[in-house]
Amino acid sequence: MSSISTQPPSGFRDFLNVEAARRFRLKSLIAKTYQSFGFQPIETSALENLNILVGTGGGEENEKLIFKVLKRGEKLKESLTKPNVQENDLTDFGMRFDLTLPLSRVVANARNEISFPWKVFQMGPVWRAERAQKGRFREFTQCDVDIIGSSHRSAEMEVIQAVTHAISGLHGVAGAGSKDFELRMNDRRILSGLAEQAGLKDKSAASFAILLDKKDKVSAEELEAELKTLVSSSGKLDLALKALSGELTLKDAKSFAEEAASHLSLLIGELELMNLPISRVVFDPSLARGLGYYTGTIYELRHASAGYSIGGGGRYDQLIGRFSKQTYPAVGFSIGFDRLLLLLEETEKASASGDESTIFFPVMDEKLRMAVLDLAKSVRQSGRAIDVYPEEAKLKTQLKFAEDKGHRWIVIAGETEFQNKKFNLKDFKNRSEVCFDLQGILNHLK
């Protein structure tokens, strides 16, 4: 009998011990930042009806990557008996491939219970059936922040502030190097204007946007050749080539998309005045994303050392209207959590660091276990996380356990220490040791 592989499927991962604790800690920090900007948490279903995911704005590429779920029981048996049975005859649900579509469905479904503008955030896994590679997984986590019901540019400013501050807030824990991030901005209406100037319509206009999106994947020569094939008249190439090279300015854009260019110019100027914790905010005329979603401003967060985006978003004023008779202006920003962690590991090599906030209490003698648990309880009440070794073992074994888990602080509490009411506090990081009473320990750890 062949053995069963215990590896997770390709593109899926398990997270243990220090790595799982680190992921939890960083998600908590991001959530705390989102909440500090007044965003409230929501949770949405992992499964959606297929008619929500297909043909409602997710884009053809995303729709090709849906993990579809077989019908169950009698419904599946009935479908299997049909002649010329097709895939869609056998499936009825799909795994969500992002958090925006579920949010839009929720707004349409619960609009009478919501007070607008609605400021929300959600964090959770999404699934895409694509080829697994570095920076791309089949299951990954997104950290989204959205404002529903406001068309004002301040809503765009709010989600951008929340995300950039969330990332900068990680630097003390995981080494974010936030000043190396830049925010690239564009507007779908500018892209549409460019396509119109080049004489492109409908599918050709969409092909032009997709071509711009390939800028970081193929050479400039290949892009120019494809563009010349797409645009039959060479006289209409000038603006498109300037966009492709990044030389097109907002002043240029005002000649064919005045409202969008003016809006974006004003927004970028205000963001610069806000002194965001990133290196710069720039207009990128070649930025094209969310072809099935976005209607106005679009943006992408990049890091100087990475060849991929860490997050992105934009305004999607028509998406919710596809599920409801009423339309709602909406804007959002999503952090790709797994890509962010990959970046942190590459730039700071911090992935192996443990949880320095947790204090470890070894049990020197089983007769002292209840006293140790009582002491640990007193420290825990101060708000610190406490880890007590759960069984009888030699001190050397217990200290090895603490070091493997990445604990920095160890409280040595033996019989003599309890008698004197003073305890040795070991610092694994600095290899030092000091003696305090309980209050002294709490004061020192502050």
Protein backbone atom coordinates (compact mmCIF):
# COMPACT_ATOMS: atom_id res chain seq x y z
CA MET A 1 0.00 0.00 0.00
CA SER A 2 1.49 3.35 -1.05
CA SER A 3 1.83 6.00 1.61
CA ILE A 4 -0.37 9.10 1.48
CA SER A 5 1.47 12.38 0.96
CA THR A 6 1.05 14.72 3.92
CA GLN A 7 2.19 17.78 1.97
CA PRO A 8 -0.48 20.45 1.37
CA PRO A 9 -1.64 20.80 -2.27
CA SER A 10 0.54 22.88 -4.59
CA GLY A 11 -0.01 26.58 -3.95
CA PHE A 12 -1.31 25.98 -0.42
CA ARG A 13 0.73 26.22 2.78
CA ASP A 14 0.72 25.31 6.46
CA PHE A 15 1.98 27.82 9.04
CA LEU A 16 3.40 26.61 12.34
CA ASN A 17 4.72 28.06 15.57
CA VAL A 18 6.80 31.22 15.08
CA GLU A 19 5.62 31.76 11.51
CA ALA A 20 1.94 31.42 12.42
CA ALA A 21 2.40 33.68 15.45
CA ARG A 22 4.14 36.29 13.31
CA ARG A 23 1.37 36.25 10.69
CA PHE A 24 -1.26 36.66 13.41
CA ARG A 25 0.68 39.52 15.01
CA LEU A 26 1.09 41.43 11.74
CA LYS A 27 -2.57 40.96 10.78
CA SER A 28 -3.53 42.27 14.20
CA LEU A 29 -1.38 45.36 13.68
CA ILE A 30 -2.94 46.03 10.27
CA ALA A 31 -6.44 45.59 11.70
CA LYS A 32 -5.62 47.92 14.59
CA THR A 33 -4.47 50.61 12.14
CA TYR A 34 -7.60 50.22 10.00
CA GLN A 35 -9.73 50.59 13.12
CA SER A 36 -7.80 53.70 14.15
CA PHE A 37 -9.10 55.33 10.94
CA GLY A 38 -12.69 54.50 11.85
CA PHE A 39 -13.12 51.38 9.69
CA GLN A 40 -15.27 48.60 11.13
CA PRO A 41 -14.55 44.88 10.59
CA ILE A 42 -16.81 42.63 8.53
CA GLU A 43 -16.56 38.98 7.45
CA THR A 44 -17.91 37.52 4.23
CA SER A 45 -18.56 33.99 3.01
CA ALA A 46 -15.71 31.94 1.51
CA LEU A 47 -18.18 30.43 -0.99
CA GLU A 48 -20.30 32.41 -3.43
CA ASN A 49 -22.97 31.40 -5.91
CA LEU A 50 -21.28 31.11 -9.29
CA ASN A 51 -23.54 33.74 -10.83
CA ILE A 52 -21.99 36.24 -8.39
CA LEU A 53 -18.45 35.39 -9.45
CA VAL A 54 -19.00 34.94 -13.21
CA GLY A 55 -19.88 37.80 -15.55
CA THR A 56 -20.32 40.43 -12.86
CA GLY A 57 -17.10 42.36 -13.07
CA GLY A 58 -14.38 40.04 -11.84
CA GLY A 59 -12.67 40.09 -15.21
CA GLU A 60 -12.12 37.19 -17.58
CA GLU A 61 -8.71 36.31 -16.14
CA ASN A 62 -10.05 35.97 -12.59
CA GLU A 63 -13.09 34.03 -13.78
CA LYS A 64 -10.84 31.46 -15.46
CA LEU A 65 -9.17 30.87 -12.09
CA ILE A 66 -12.28 30.17 -9.98
CA PHE A 67 -12.19 27.07 -7.81
CA LYS A 68 -15.62 25.68 -8.67
CA VAL A 69 -17.52 23.44 -6.24
CA LEU A 70 -19.45 20.35 -7.36
CA LYS A 71 -23.15 20.11 -6.69
CA ARG A 72 -23.97 17.70 -3.92
CA GLY A 73 -26.20 14.68 -3.39
CA GLU A 74 -29.27 14.28 -5.61
CA LYS A 75 -28.55 17.51 -7.53
CA LEU A 76 -25.18 16.13 -8.65
CA LYS A 77 -26.67 12.74 -9.60
CA GLU A 78 -29.40 14.45 -11.61
CA SER A 79 -26.87 16.65 -13.44
CA LEU A 80 -24.72 13.63 -14.31
CA THR A 81 -27.64 11.98 -16.12
CA LYS A 82 -28.05 14.87 -18.56
CA PRO A 83 -26.81 14.33 -22.14
CA ASN A 84 -23.68 16.24 -23.16
CA VAL A 85 -23.08 17.30 -19.57
CA GLN A 86 -20.84 20.37 -19.25
CA GLU A 87 -18.73 21.65 -16.34
CA ASN A 88 -21.24 24.33 -15.42
CA ASP A 89 -23.99 21.71 -15.20
CA LEU A 90 -22.08 20.06 -12.34
CA THR A 91 -21.13 23.13 -10.31
CA ASP A 92 -23.10 25.76 -8.44
CA PHE A 93 -20.69 27.46 -5.99
CA GLY A 94 -17.21 28.94 -6.28
CA MET A 95 -14.48 29.99 -3.85
CA ARG A 96 -14.15 33.78 -3.68
CA PHE A 97 -11.15 35.05 -5.68
CA ASP A 98 -11.09 38.45 -3.96
CA LEU A 99 -12.93 40.30 -1.18
CA THR A 100 -14.48 43.04 -3.32
CA LEU A 101 -17.20 41.00 -5.01
CA PRO A 102 -18.43 39.50 -1.71
CA LEU A 103 -18.46 43.00 -0.19
CA SER A 104 -20.48 44.32 -3.13
CA ARG A 105 -22.99 41.48 -2.76
CA VAL A 106 -23.29 42.18 0.98
CA VAL A 107 -24.02 45.87 0.33
CA ALA A 108 -26.75 44.96 -2.18
CA ASN A 109 -28.21 42.40 0.21
CA ALA A 110 -28.06 44.42 3.45
CA ARG A 111 -28.37 47.97 2.13
CA ASN A 112 -31.38 48.72 4.37
CA GLU A 113 -29.32 47.82 7.46
CA ILE A 114 -26.28 49.92 6.53
CA SER A 115 -25.62 53.55 7.39
CA PHE A 116 -23.78 55.24 4.52
CA PRO A 117 -21.02 56.19 3.96
CA TRP A 118 -20.00 52.72 5.17
CA LYS A 119 -16.34 52.41 6.22
CA VAL A 120 -15.33 48.75 6.55
CA PHE A 121 -12.34 46.45 6.45
CA GLN A 122 -12.07 42.72 5.99
CA MET A 123 -9.12 40.35 6.16
CA GLY A 124 -9.19 36.77 4.98
CA PRO A 125 -8.09 34.11 2.51
CA VAL A 126 -9.04 34.09 -1.16
CA TRP A 127 -8.47 31.35 -3.73
CA ARG A 128 -7.34 31.35 -7.36
CA ALA A 129 -6.62 28.24 -9.39
CA GLU A 130 -3.45 29.56 -11.03
CA ARG A 131 0.04 28.15 -11.43
CA ALA A 132 1.88 28.44 -8.14
CA GLN A 133 5.16 30.38 -8.25
CA LYS A 134 7.15 32.85 -6.15
CA GLY A 135 4.81 35.53 -4.86
CA ARG A 136 1.76 33.71 -6.29
CA PHE A 137 -0.17 31.16 -4.30
CA ARG A 138 -3.50 29.43 -4.82
CA GLU A 139 -4.59 30.45 -1.36
CA PHE A 140 -3.50 33.83 -0.05
CA THR A 141 -4.67 36.53 2.33
CA GLN A 142 -5.94 40.00 1.47
CA CYS A 143 -6.40 42.90 3.87
CA ASP A 144 -9.01 45.21 2.34
CA VAL A 145 -10.30 48.60 3.42
CA ASP A 146 -13.31 50.16 1.65
CA ILE A 147 -15.65 53.14 1.79
CA ILE A 148 -19.09 52.61 0.26
CA GLY A 149 -21.45 55.49 -0.48
CA SER A 150 -19.07 58.41 -1.00
CA SER A 151 -17.91 59.85 -4.34
CA HIS A 152 -15.70 62.51 -2.75
CA ARG A 153 -11.93 62.28 -3.23
CA SER A 154 -11.50 62.38 0.55
CA ALA A 155 -12.75 58.77 0.55
CA GLU A 156 -9.82 57.88 -1.71
CA MET A 157 -7.48 59.77 0.59
CA GLU A 158 -8.81 57.86 3.62
CA VAL A 159 -8.23 54.36 2.24
CA ILE A 160 -4.77 55.37 0.99
CA GLN A 161 -3.89 56.82 4.39
CA ALA A 162 -5.10 53.69 6.18
CA VAL A 163 -3.07 51.30 4.02
CA THR A 164 0.17 53.31 3.97
CA HIS A 165 0.05 53.81 7.73
CA ALA A 166 -0.74 50.12 8.27
CA ILE A 167 2.38 49.12 6.34
CA SER A 168 4.58 51.73 8.02
CA GLY A 169 3.33 50.54 11.41
CA LEU A 170 4.90 47.13 10.84
CA HIS A 171 8.49 48.38 10.71
CA GLY A 172 9.17 47.96 14.43
CA VAL A 173 7.95 44.38 14.35
CA ALA A 174 9.02 43.08 10.98
CA GLY A 175 11.16 45.70 9.28
CA ALA A 176 8.83 47.21 6.70
CA GLY A 177 11.19 49.90 5.43
CA SER A 178 8.08 51.89 4.57
CA LYS A 179 9.99 54.85 3.11
CA ASP A 180 10.99 52.60 0.21
CA PHE A 181 7.36 52.23 -0.89
CA GLU A 182 5.85 54.37 -3.62
CA LEU A 183 2.24 54.87 -4.62
CA ARG A 184 1.59 54.87 -8.36
CA MET A 185 -1.66 56.46 -9.50
CA ASN A 186 -3.72 56.68 -12.68
CA ASP A 187 -7.36 56.92 -13.73
CA ARG A 188 -9.35 54.52 -15.89
CA ARG A 189 -10.88 57.52 -17.68
CA ILE A 190 -7.39 58.61 -18.76
CA LEU A 191 -6.77 55.13 -20.16
CA SER A 192 -10.09 55.27 -22.00
CA GLY A 193 -9.18 58.70 -23.37
CA LEU A 194 -5.81 57.40 -24.55
CA ALA A 195 -7.49 54.50 -26.34
CA GLU A 196 -9.95 56.88 -27.97
CA GLN A 197 -7.14 59.16 -29.10
CA ALA A 198 -5.48 56.14 -30.72
CA GLY A 199 -8.70 55.24 -32.52
CA LEU A 200 -9.32 52.13 -30.44
CA LYS A 201 -12.77 50.99 -29.34
CA ASP A 202 -14.37 48.13 -27.40
CA LYS A 203 -12.13 45.03 -27.47
CA SER A 204 -9.21 46.93 -28.98
CA ALA A 205 -9.39 49.48 -26.15
CA ALA A 206 -9.37 46.64 -23.61
CA SER A 207 -6.38 45.09 -25.42
CA PHE A 208 -4.58 48.43 -25.15
CA ALA A 209 -5.11 48.50 -21.35
CA ILE A 210 -3.90 44.89 -21.07
CA LEU A 211 -0.85 45.82 -23.13
CA LEU A 212 0.01 48.64 -20.72
CA ASP A 213 -0.38 46.23 -17.83
CA LYS A 214 2.38 44.06 -19.36
CA LYS A 215 4.91 46.88 -19.04
CA ASP A 216 6.92 45.19 -16.25
CA LYS A 217 6.80 41.73 -17.84
CA VAL A 218 8.18 42.24 -21.37
CA SER A 219 10.74 44.49 -23.03
CA ALA A 220 9.97 48.01 -24.25
CA GLU A 221 10.71 46.90 -27.82
CA GLU A 222 8.14 44.08 -27.65
CA LEU A 223 5.54 46.43 -26.20
CA GLU A 224 6.10 49.03 -28.89
CA ALA A 225 5.83 46.38 -31.59
CA GLU A 226 2.54 45.10 -30.15
CA LEU A 227 1.24 48.65 -29.85
CA LYS A 228 2.05 49.42 -33.48
CA THR A 229 0.16 46.26 -34.50
CA LEU A 230 -2.82 47.31 -32.38
CA VAL A 231 -2.88 50.91 -33.66
CA SER A 232 -3.09 50.88 -37.44
CA SER A 233 -2.33 54.58 -37.97
CA SER A 234 1.19 55.52 -36.89
CA GLY A 235 0.07 59.13 -36.56
CA LYS A 236 -2.06 58.13 -33.56
CA LEU A 237 0.78 56.44 -31.73
CA ASP A 238 2.38 59.47 -30.09
CA LEU A 239 0.29 59.73 -26.92
CA ALA A 240 0.11 55.95 -26.51
CA LEU A 241 3.91 55.67 -26.77
CA LYS A 242 4.33 58.47 -24.21
CA ALA A 243 2.04 56.56 -21.83
CA LEU A 244 3.98 53.36 -22.42
CA SER A 245 7.30 55.05 -21.62
CA GLY A 246 5.87 56.87 -18.62
CA GLU A 247 6.55 60.28 -20.20
CA LEU A 248 2.90 61.31 -20.48
CA THR A 249 2.11 64.03 -17.92
CA LEU A 250 -1.14 65.01 -16.26
CA LYS A 251 -0.94 68.24 -18.27
CA ASP A 252 -0.89 66.11 -21.44
CA ALA A 253 -3.80 64.06 -20.15
CA LYS A 254 -5.95 67.16 -19.61
CA SER A 255 -6.16 67.58 -23.38
CA PHE A 256 -8.29 64.42 -23.72
CA ALA A 257 -9.49 63.59 -20.17
CA GLU A 258 -9.74 66.95 -18.42
CA GLU A 259 -12.01 65.97 -15.53
CA ALA A 260 -10.03 62.84 -14.64
CA ALA A 261 -6.64 64.55 -14.97
CA SER A 262 -7.75 67.52 -12.85
CA HIS A 263 -9.16 65.20 -10.18
CA LEU A 264 -5.98 63.13 -10.09
CA SER A 265 -3.73 66.20 -10.02
CA LEU A 266 -5.63 67.60 -7.06
CA LEU A 267 -5.64 64.24 -5.25
CA ILE A 268 -1.89 63.69 -5.70
CA GLY A 269 -1.18 67.23 -4.49
CA GLU A 270 -3.26 66.72 -1.35
CA LEU A 271 -1.65 63.35 -0.62
CA GLU A 272 1.79 64.95 -0.89
CA LEU A 273 0.75 67.61 1.63
CA MET A 274 -0.33 64.86 4.05
CA ASN A 275 3.26 63.59 4.30
CA LEU A 276 2.34 59.92 3.93
CA PRO A 277 4.87 57.45 5.41
CA ILE A 278 6.09 56.36 1.95
CA SER A 279 8.77 57.66 -0.39
CA ARG A 280 6.55 59.33 -2.99
CA VAL A 281 3.23 59.52 -4.83
CA VAL A 282 3.52 59.56 -8.64
CA PHE A 283 1.32 59.64 -11.72
CA ASP A 284 1.93 56.49 -13.79
CA PRO A 285 0.13 56.72 -17.16
CA SER A 286 0.93 53.07 -17.91
CA LEU A 287 -0.82 51.76 -14.78
CA ALA A 288 -3.81 49.63 -15.81
CA ARG A 289 -5.55 47.34 -13.33
CA GLY A 290 -9.00 45.99 -12.49
CA LEU A 291 -10.39 46.14 -16.02
CA GLY A 292 -13.63 44.55 -14.84
CA TYR A 293 -14.04 46.72 -11.74
CA TYR A 294 -12.60 50.19 -11.70
CA THR A 295 -14.31 53.29 -13.06
CA GLY A 296 -12.03 56.13 -11.93
CA THR A 297 -8.89 56.51 -9.85
CA ILE A 298 -6.62 53.44 -9.64
CA TYR A 299 -3.45 52.99 -7.62
CA GLU A 300 -0.78 50.47 -6.79
CA LEU A 301 1.72 50.24 -3.94
CA ARG A 302 5.22 49.10 -4.89
CA HIS A 303 8.54 48.65 -3.16
CA ALA A 304 11.90 49.55 -4.64
CA SER A 305 13.23 45.99 -4.21
CA ALA A 306 10.21 44.08 -5.54
CA GLY A 307 9.12 43.39 -9.11
CA TYR A 308 5.49 43.09 -8.11
CA SER A 309 2.84 45.18 -6.39
CA ILE A 310 2.26 44.84 -2.65
CA GLY A 311 -1.27 46.19 -2.88
CA GLY A 312 -3.65 48.10 -5.05
CA GLY A 313 -7.14 49.44 -5.45
CA GLY A 314 -9.31 52.14 -6.88
CA ARG A 315 -12.80 53.48 -7.36
CA TYR A 316 -15.51 51.01 -8.44
CA ASP A 317 -18.70 53.06 -8.66
CA GLN A 318 -20.69 50.65 -10.84
CA LEU A 319 -19.93 47.24 -9.36
CA ILE A 320 -22.55 47.17 -6.58
CA GLY A 321 -25.22 48.26 -9.07
CA ARG A 322 -24.77 44.92 -10.83
CA PHE A 323 -26.33 43.21 -7.80
CA SER A 324 -28.87 45.92 -6.93
CA LYS A 325 -31.24 48.34 -8.61
CA GLN A 326 -29.46 51.10 -6.73
CA THR A 327 -25.87 52.13 -7.47
CA TYR A 328 -23.38 53.12 -4.80
CA PRO A 329 -20.06 54.92 -5.27
CA ALA A 330 -17.27 52.86 -3.76
CA VAL A 331 -13.52 52.95 -3.32
CA GLY A 332 -11.10 50.45 -1.80
CA PHE A 333 -7.50 49.43 -1.24
CA SER A 334 -6.16 45.92 -0.66
CA ILE A 335 -2.86 44.78 0.85
CA GLY A 336 -1.55 41.49 -0.52
CA PHE A 337 -0.55 40.13 2.88
CA ASP A 338 1.55 37.19 1.64
CA ARG A 339 3.50 39.33 -0.82
CA LEU A 340 4.13 41.84 1.96
CA LEU A 341 5.52 39.09 4.19
CA LEU A 342 7.68 37.79 1.35
CA LEU A 343 9.07 41.30 0.90
CA LEU A 344 9.77 41.67 4.61
CA GLU A 345 11.60 38.36 4.70
CA GLU A 346 13.74 39.32 1.70
CA THR A 347 14.55 42.86 2.83
CA GLU A 348 14.97 42.35 6.56
CA LYS A 349 15.42 38.59 7.00
CA ALA A 350 13.08 38.89 9.96
CA SER A 351 11.04 35.75 9.38
CA ALA A 352 12.84 33.78 12.06
CA SER A 353 12.31 36.30 14.83
CA GLY A 354 10.11 35.08 17.66
CA ASP A 355 7.53 36.80 19.78
CA GLU A 356 9.53 39.04 22.09
CA SER A 357 6.39 40.13 23.92
CA THR A 358 5.80 36.67 25.44
CA ILE A 359 7.36 35.82 28.82
CA PHE A 360 8.33 32.21 29.51
CA PHE A 361 8.04 30.61 32.95
CA PRO A 362 9.87 27.31 33.38
CA VAL A 363 8.82 25.11 36.32
CA MET A 364 11.93 24.43 38.39
CA ASP A 365 10.24 21.86 40.64
CA GLU A 366 6.83 20.21 40.27
CA LYS A 367 6.10 21.14 43.91
CA LEU A 368 6.27 24.78 42.79
CA ARG A 369 3.97 24.47 39.75
CA MET A 370 0.93 26.05 41.44
CA ALA A 371 3.08 28.91 42.77
CA VAL A 372 4.55 29.46 39.28
CA LEU A 373 1.07 29.46 37.73
CA ASP A 374 -0.08 32.00 40.31
CA LEU A 375 2.93 34.24 39.60
CA ALA A 376 2.34 33.89 35.85
CA LYS A 377 -1.29 34.88 36.38
CA SER A 378 -0.22 38.10 38.12
CA VAL A 379 2.05 39.02 35.20
CA ARG A 380 -0.59 38.04 32.64
CA GLN A 381 -3.06 40.44 34.29
CA SER A 382 -0.71 43.29 33.34
CA GLY A 383 -1.48 42.52 29.69
CA ARG A 384 1.57 40.40 28.84
CA ALA A 385 1.35 37.01 27.13
CA ILE A 386 2.70 34.19 29.31
CA ASP A 387 3.92 30.72 28.35
CA VAL A 388 4.38 28.10 31.10
CA TYR A 389 6.06 24.77 30.37
CA PRO A 390 3.22 22.20 30.53
CA GLU A 391 5.02 19.17 31.99
CA GLU A 392 7.89 18.06 34.21
CA ALA A 393 11.28 18.38 32.50
CA LYS A 394 14.87 19.40 33.13
CA LEU A 395 15.58 23.14 33.13
CA LYS A 396 17.87 22.71 30.11
CA THR A 397 15.02 21.14 28.14
CA GLN A 398 12.63 23.92 29.12
CA LEU A 399 15.07 26.68 28.15
CA LYS A 400 15.68 24.98 24.79
CA PHE A 401 11.89 24.96 24.31
CA ALA A 402 11.75 28.71 25.03
CA GLU A 403 14.61 29.50 22.68
CA ASP A 404 13.07 27.43 19.85
CA LYS A 405 9.82 29.35 20.22
CA GLY A 406 11.65 32.67 20.04
CA HIS A 407 10.78 33.86 23.55
CA ARG A 408 13.07 36.64 24.68
CA TRP A 409 12.18 36.88 28.39
CA ILE A 410 12.52 34.03 30.92
CA VAL A 411 11.47 34.32 34.57
CA ILE A 412 13.42 31.94 36.82
CA ALA A 413 11.31 31.22 39.90
CA GLY A 414 12.74 28.51 42.18
CA GLU A 415 12.23 27.86 45.87
CA THR A 416 14.81 30.48 46.92
CA GLU A 417 13.28 33.08 44.62
CA PHE A 418 9.82 32.54 46.07
CA GLN A 419 11.17 32.77 49.62
CA ASN A 420 12.91 36.08 48.87
CA LYS A 421 10.09 37.27 46.58
CA LYS A 422 12.71 38.23 44.01
CA PHE A 423 13.02 36.52 40.64
CA ASN A 424 15.71 36.31 37.98
CA LEU A 425 14.70 37.78 34.63
CA LYS A 426 16.80 36.37 31.77
CA ASP A 427 17.09 38.23 28.48
CA PHE A 428 17.85 35.68 25.74
CA LYS A 429 18.47 38.43 23.19
CA ASN A 430 21.18 40.26 25.14
CA ARG A 431 22.28 37.24 27.19
CA SER A 432 21.85 39.19 30.41
CA GLU A 433 20.14 38.48 33.72
CA VAL A 434 18.75 40.79 36.43
CA CYS A 435 16.90 40.23 39.71
CA PHE A 436 13.58 41.93 40.52
CA ASP A 437 10.51 41.57 42.65
CA LEU A 438 7.21 41.16 40.77
CA GLN A 439 6.63 44.90 40.36
CA GLY A 440 10.23 45.36 39.25
CA ILE A 441 9.74 42.78 36.52
CA LEU A 442 6.63 44.57 35.28
CA ASN A 443 8.36 47.95 35.33
CA HIS A 444 11.42 46.59 33.50
CA LEU A 445 9.35 44.99 30.74
CA LYS A 446 7.48 48.22 30.07
